[in-house]
Amino acid sequence: MARPQSPERRKRYTIRLFQHELQQIQQKASTAGLTVSEYFRRAALNIQIRSRIHKKALGELSRMTGLQKYLLMKIVGLPHEDELRRELNSTLAAIRSTLDTLLKKKAEPE
């Protein structure tokens, strides 16, 4: 998301970093889907920095959970229903555990 343009001219500020520091900052900015400037701005102003990867992962895990629930309803009356139900329930539990882990990490400050 781009910052709105203000009629005020922007000022340039130069900082000195070691190469490894710059690489780490660039990686974190990329993961969050931000430019390095926007990443610095948000970090300096204590604005929450959210990762794009978490949003995508949460969406995918939510979709998979819905699909698993749908499959649980569709196996009623099939041969080996109990075995299928156990496998689907264990998969659903693993998805839920992963989702909970991601949500906890997302709630932690960076």
N, C-alpha and C. Protein backbone atom coordinates (compact mmCIF):
# COMPACT_ATOMS: atom_id res chain seq x y z
N MET A 1 0.84 -1.15 0.00
CA MET A 1 0.00 0.00 0.00
C MET A 1 0.90 1.24 0.00
N ALA A 2 0.73 2.08 -1.00
CA ALA A 2 1.56 3.28 -1.13
C ALA A 2 1.06 4.36 -0.18
N ARG A 3 1.99 5.14 0.29
CA ARG A 3 1.63 6.27 1.15
C ARG A 3 1.04 7.37 0.29
N PRO A 4 0.06 8.08 0.81
CA PRO A 4 -0.51 9.18 0.03
C PRO A 4 0.53 10.29 -0.17
N GLN A 5 0.51 10.87 -1.35
CA GLN A 5 1.44 11.96 -1.64
C GLN A 5 1.00 13.21 -0.92
N SER A 6 1.93 13.88 -0.29
CA SER A 6 1.58 15.13 0.40
C SER A 6 2.17 16.29 -0.41
N PRO A 7 1.55 17.45 -0.29
CA PRO A 7 2.08 18.60 -1.01
C PRO A 7 3.46 19.02 -0.50
N GLU A 8 3.80 18.58 0.68
CA GLU A 8 5.08 18.90 1.30
C GLU A 8 6.18 18.05 0.64
N ARG A 9 7.33 18.64 0.40
CA ARG A 9 8.45 17.90 -0.20
C ARG A 9 9.03 16.93 0.80
N ARG A 10 9.39 15.78 0.33
CA ARG A 10 10.02 14.78 1.20
C ARG A 10 11.48 15.11 1.38
N LYS A 11 11.99 14.77 2.53
CA LYS A 11 13.40 14.99 2.83
C LYS A 11 14.12 13.65 2.76
N ARG A 12 15.33 13.67 2.30
CA ARG A 12 16.15 12.47 2.22
C ARG A 12 17.05 12.41 3.44
N TYR A 13 17.19 11.20 3.99
CA TYR A 13 18.03 11.01 5.15
C TYR A 13 18.92 9.80 4.89
N THR A 14 20.17 9.92 5.12
CA THR A 14 21.12 8.84 4.86
C THR A 14 21.54 8.21 6.18
N ILE A 15 21.55 6.89 6.21
CA ILE A 15 22.05 6.17 7.38
C ILE A 15 23.13 5.19 6.92
N ARG A 16 23.96 4.82 7.83
CA ARG A 16 25.05 3.90 7.51
C ARG A 16 24.73 2.53 8.10
N LEU A 17 24.87 1.52 7.27
CA LEU A 17 24.59 0.15 7.70
C LEU A 17 25.70 -0.77 7.21
N PHE A 18 25.91 -1.83 7.93
CA PHE A 18 26.78 -2.89 7.42
C PHE A 18 26.00 -3.66 6.36
N GLN A 19 26.71 -4.32 5.49
CA GLN A 19 26.06 -5.05 4.39
C GLN A 19 25.08 -6.09 4.91
N HIS A 20 25.47 -6.82 5.96
CA HIS A 20 24.58 -7.86 6.49
C HIS A 20 23.33 -7.25 7.11
N GLU A 21 23.45 -6.05 7.71
CA GLU A 21 22.28 -5.38 8.25
C GLU A 21 21.32 -4.96 7.15
N LEU A 22 21.88 -4.41 6.08
CA LEU A 22 21.05 -4.00 4.95
C LEU A 22 20.33 -5.20 4.34
N GLN A 23 21.01 -6.31 4.20
CA GLN A 23 20.39 -7.52 3.64
C GLN A 23 19.24 -8.00 4.52
N GLN A 24 19.43 -7.98 5.83
CA GLN A 24 18.37 -8.40 6.75
C GLN A 24 17.17 -7.48 6.64
N ILE A 25 17.41 -6.18 6.58
CA ILE A 25 16.33 -5.20 6.48
C ILE A 25 15.59 -5.36 5.15
N GLN A 26 16.33 -5.54 4.07
CA GLN A 26 15.71 -5.74 2.76
C GLN A 26 14.85 -7.00 2.74
N GLN A 27 15.33 -8.07 3.38
CA GLN A 27 14.56 -9.31 3.45
C GLN A 27 13.27 -9.12 4.23
N LYS A 28 13.34 -8.45 5.37
CA LYS A 28 12.15 -8.21 6.19
C LYS A 28 11.16 -7.31 5.46
N ALA A 29 11.66 -6.30 4.77
CA ALA A 29 10.77 -5.41 4.01
C ALA A 29 10.09 -6.18 2.88
N SER A 30 10.84 -7.02 2.21
CA SER A 30 10.28 -7.83 1.12
C SER A 30 9.21 -8.79 1.63
N THR A 31 9.48 -9.44 2.76
CA THR A 31 8.52 -10.36 3.36
C THR A 31 7.22 -9.64 3.71
N ALA A 32 7.34 -8.39 4.17
CA ALA A 32 6.16 -7.61 4.54
C ALA A 32 5.51 -6.96 3.33
N GLY A 33 6.14 -7.05 2.15
CA GLY A 33 5.59 -6.44 0.95
C GLY A 33 5.74 -4.93 0.93
N LEU A 34 6.82 -4.44 1.55
CA LEU A 34 7.05 -3.00 1.65
C LEU A 34 8.39 -2.64 1.02
N THR A 35 8.53 -1.37 0.66
CA THR A 35 9.84 -0.88 0.26
C THR A 35 10.67 -0.72 1.53
N VAL A 36 11.97 -0.61 1.36
CA VAL A 36 12.84 -0.41 2.53
C VAL A 36 12.48 0.90 3.22
N SER A 37 12.19 1.94 2.44
CA SER A 37 11.82 3.24 3.03
C SER A 37 10.56 3.11 3.87
N GLU A 38 9.55 2.44 3.33
CA GLU A 38 8.30 2.29 4.06
C GLU A 38 8.50 1.42 5.29
N TYR A 39 9.35 0.40 5.18
CA TYR A 39 9.65 -0.46 6.32
C TYR A 39 10.30 0.35 7.44
N PHE A 40 11.31 1.18 7.09
CA PHE A 40 11.96 2.03 8.09
C PHE A 40 10.95 2.99 8.72
N ARG A 41 10.11 3.60 7.88
CA ARG A 41 9.13 4.56 8.36
C ARG A 41 8.21 3.92 9.40
N ARG A 42 7.69 2.75 9.05
CA ARG A 42 6.78 2.07 9.98
C ARG A 42 7.48 1.63 11.25
N ALA A 43 8.70 1.14 11.11
CA ALA A 43 9.45 0.70 12.30
C ALA A 43 9.75 1.90 13.21
N ALA A 44 10.15 3.02 12.62
CA ALA A 44 10.51 4.19 13.41
C ALA A 44 9.29 4.81 14.09
N LEU A 45 8.13 4.74 13.42
CA LEU A 45 6.91 5.33 13.97
C LEU A 45 6.09 4.33 14.78
N ASN A 46 6.65 3.15 14.98
CA ASN A 46 6.01 2.10 15.76
C ASN A 46 4.63 1.71 15.20
N ILE A 47 4.57 1.65 13.87
CA ILE A 47 3.36 1.20 13.18
C ILE A 47 3.52 -0.30 12.90
N GLN A 48 2.48 -1.07 13.16
CA GLN A 48 2.58 -2.52 13.01
C GLN A 48 2.96 -2.90 11.59
N ILE A 49 3.90 -3.82 11.48
CA ILE A 49 4.36 -4.34 10.19
C ILE A 49 3.82 -5.75 10.06
N ARG A 50 2.95 -5.97 9.10
CA ARG A 50 2.33 -7.28 8.92
C ARG A 50 2.95 -7.98 7.72
N SER A 51 3.15 -9.25 7.87
CA SER A 51 3.76 -10.05 6.81
C SER A 51 2.72 -10.49 5.80
N ARG A 52 3.05 -10.37 4.51
CA ARG A 52 2.18 -10.88 3.44
C ARG A 52 2.06 -12.40 3.53
N ILE A 53 3.15 -13.03 3.88
CA ILE A 53 3.17 -14.49 3.93
C ILE A 53 2.16 -15.01 4.94
N HIS A 54 2.07 -14.37 6.09
CA HIS A 54 1.09 -14.82 7.09
C HIS A 54 -0.32 -14.72 6.55
N LYS A 55 -0.64 -13.65 5.87
CA LYS A 55 -1.99 -13.49 5.33
C LYS A 55 -2.30 -14.59 4.34
N LYS A 56 -1.36 -14.88 3.46
CA LYS A 56 -1.57 -15.94 2.46
C LYS A 56 -1.68 -17.30 3.14
N ALA A 57 -0.83 -17.56 4.10
CA ALA A 57 -0.85 -18.85 4.80
C ALA A 57 -2.15 -19.02 5.58
N LEU A 58 -2.59 -17.96 6.25
CA LEU A 58 -3.84 -18.04 7.00
C LEU A 58 -5.02 -18.30 6.07
N GLY A 59 -5.03 -17.64 4.94
CA GLY A 59 -6.11 -17.84 3.98
C GLY A 59 -6.13 -19.27 3.45
N GLU A 60 -4.98 -19.79 3.12
CA GLU A 60 -4.88 -21.15 2.59
C GLU A 60 -5.26 -22.18 3.65
N LEU A 61 -4.79 -21.99 4.88
CA LEU A 61 -5.15 -22.93 5.94
C LEU A 61 -6.64 -22.88 6.24
N SER A 62 -7.24 -21.71 6.19
CA SER A 62 -8.68 -21.60 6.41
C SER A 62 -9.45 -22.33 5.31
N ARG A 63 -8.98 -22.18 4.08
CA ARG A 63 -9.63 -22.85 2.95
C ARG A 63 -9.53 -24.37 3.11
N MET A 64 -8.36 -24.85 3.52
CA MET A 64 -8.17 -26.29 3.69
C MET A 64 -9.05 -26.84 4.82
N THR A 65 -9.20 -26.06 5.88
CA THR A 65 -10.05 -26.48 6.98
C THR A 65 -11.49 -26.64 6.52
N GLY A 66 -11.98 -25.70 5.72
CA GLY A 66 -13.33 -25.78 5.18
C GLY A 66 -13.50 -27.00 4.29
N LEU A 67 -12.49 -27.30 3.48
CA LEU A 67 -12.54 -28.47 2.61
C LEU A 67 -12.57 -29.76 3.43
N GLN A 68 -11.80 -29.82 4.50
CA GLN A 68 -11.79 -31.01 5.35
C GLN A 68 -13.16 -31.23 5.99
N LYS A 69 -13.78 -30.16 6.45
CA LYS A 69 -15.12 -30.28 7.05
C LYS A 69 -16.12 -30.79 6.01
N TYR A 70 -16.02 -30.28 4.79
CA TYR A 70 -16.90 -30.73 3.71
C TYR A 70 -16.71 -32.23 3.45
N LEU A 71 -15.46 -32.66 3.40
CA LEU A 71 -15.18 -34.08 3.15
C LEU A 71 -15.72 -34.96 4.28
N LEU A 72 -15.65 -34.49 5.51
CA LEU A 72 -16.19 -35.26 6.64
C LEU A 72 -17.69 -35.49 6.47
N MET A 73 -18.40 -34.52 5.92
CA MET A 73 -19.85 -34.69 5.71
C MET A 73 -20.13 -35.63 4.55
N LYS A 74 -19.25 -35.69 3.55
CA LYS A 74 -19.48 -36.48 2.35
C LYS A 74 -19.14 -37.96 2.49
N ILE A 75 -18.39 -38.35 3.52
CA ILE A 75 -17.99 -39.76 3.62
C ILE A 75 -19.01 -40.63 4.36
N VAL A 76 -20.09 -40.03 4.80
CA VAL A 76 -21.12 -40.79 5.53
C VAL A 76 -21.64 -41.92 4.63
N GLY A 77 -21.59 -43.14 5.16
CA GLY A 77 -22.11 -44.30 4.45
C GLY A 77 -21.11 -44.98 3.52
N LEU A 78 -19.93 -44.44 3.37
CA LEU A 78 -18.93 -45.05 2.50
C LEU A 78 -18.25 -46.22 3.21
N PRO A 79 -17.75 -47.20 2.43
CA PRO A 79 -16.98 -48.27 3.06
C PRO A 79 -15.74 -47.65 3.75
N HIS A 80 -15.35 -48.21 4.84
CA HIS A 80 -14.19 -47.74 5.63
C HIS A 80 -14.41 -46.31 6.14
N GLU A 81 -15.65 -45.97 6.41
CA GLU A 81 -15.97 -44.61 6.88
C GLU A 81 -15.20 -44.25 8.15
N ASP A 82 -15.12 -45.18 9.09
CA ASP A 82 -14.43 -44.89 10.35
C ASP A 82 -12.96 -44.56 10.13
N GLU A 83 -12.29 -45.34 9.27
CA GLU A 83 -10.88 -45.09 8.98
C GLU A 83 -10.70 -43.73 8.28
N LEU A 84 -11.54 -43.45 7.29
CA LEU A 84 -11.48 -42.17 6.60
C LEU A 84 -11.73 -41.01 7.57
N ARG A 85 -12.69 -41.17 8.45
CA ARG A 85 -13.02 -40.12 9.41
C ARG A 85 -11.83 -39.85 10.35
N ARG A 86 -11.18 -40.94 10.81
CA ARG A 86 -10.01 -40.77 11.69
C ARG A 86 -8.90 -40.00 10.96
N GLU A 87 -8.63 -40.37 9.70
CA GLU A 87 -7.57 -39.71 8.93
C GLU A 87 -7.90 -38.24 8.69
N LEU A 88 -9.15 -37.97 8.32
CA LEU A 88 -9.54 -36.58 8.08
C LEU A 88 -9.50 -35.77 9.37
N ASN A 89 -9.92 -36.36 10.48
CA ASN A 89 -9.88 -35.65 11.75
C ASN A 89 -8.44 -35.35 12.19
N SER A 90 -7.52 -36.28 11.95
CA SER A 90 -6.12 -36.02 12.33
C SER A 90 -5.53 -34.93 11.45
N THR A 91 -5.89 -34.93 10.16
CA THR A 91 -5.42 -33.88 9.25
C THR A 91 -6.00 -32.53 9.67
N LEU A 92 -7.28 -32.52 10.01
CA LEU A 92 -7.93 -31.29 10.46
C LEU A 92 -7.29 -30.77 11.74
N ALA A 93 -6.92 -31.65 12.65
CA ALA A 93 -6.26 -31.25 13.90
C ALA A 93 -4.88 -30.65 13.60
N ALA A 94 -4.15 -31.23 12.64
CA ALA A 94 -2.84 -30.70 12.28
C ALA A 94 -2.97 -29.32 11.64
N ILE A 95 -3.96 -29.14 10.80
CA ILE A 95 -4.19 -27.83 10.18
C ILE A 95 -4.53 -26.81 11.25
N ARG A 96 -5.40 -27.19 12.15
CA ARG A 96 -5.82 -26.27 13.22
C ARG A 96 -4.63 -25.88 14.10
N SER A 97 -3.77 -26.83 14.40
CA SER A 97 -2.59 -26.56 15.21
C SER A 97 -1.67 -25.56 14.51
N THR A 98 -1.45 -25.76 13.21
CA THR A 98 -0.62 -24.86 12.43
C THR A 98 -1.23 -23.46 12.38
N LEU A 99 -2.54 -23.40 12.20
CA LEU A 99 -3.25 -22.13 12.16
C LEU A 99 -3.11 -21.40 13.50
N ASP A 100 -3.26 -22.13 14.60
CA ASP A 100 -3.10 -21.52 15.93
C ASP A 100 -1.69 -20.98 16.12
N THR A 101 -0.69 -21.74 15.66
CA THR A 101 0.70 -21.30 15.78
C THR A 101 0.93 -20.01 15.01
N LEU A 102 0.39 -19.94 13.78
CA LEU A 102 0.55 -18.73 12.98
C LEU A 102 -0.15 -17.54 13.63
N LEU A 103 -1.32 -17.77 14.19
CA LEU A 103 -2.04 -16.67 14.82
C LEU A 103 -1.30 -16.16 16.04
N LYS A 104 -0.67 -17.06 16.80
CA LYS A 104 0.10 -16.64 17.97
C LYS A 104 1.30 -15.82 17.54
N LYS A 105 2.00 -16.26 16.47
CA LYS A 105 3.16 -15.52 15.97
C LYS A 105 2.74 -14.15 15.45
N LYS A 106 1.59 -14.10 14.81
CA LYS A 106 1.10 -12.85 14.26
C LYS A 106 0.77 -11.84 15.37
N ALA A 107 0.30 -12.35 16.52
CA ALA A 107 -0.05 -11.48 17.64
C ALA A 107 1.18 -10.95 18.36
N GLU A 108 2.33 -11.61 18.22
CA GLU A 108 3.55 -11.17 18.89
C GLU A 108 4.10 -9.94 18.17
N PRO A 109 4.60 -8.95 18.92
CA PRO A 109 5.20 -7.78 18.28
C PRO A 109 6.51 -8.15 17.61
N GLU A 110 6.82 -7.48 16.50
CA GLU A 110 8.06 -7.77 15.78
C GLU A 110 9.20 -6.93 16.29
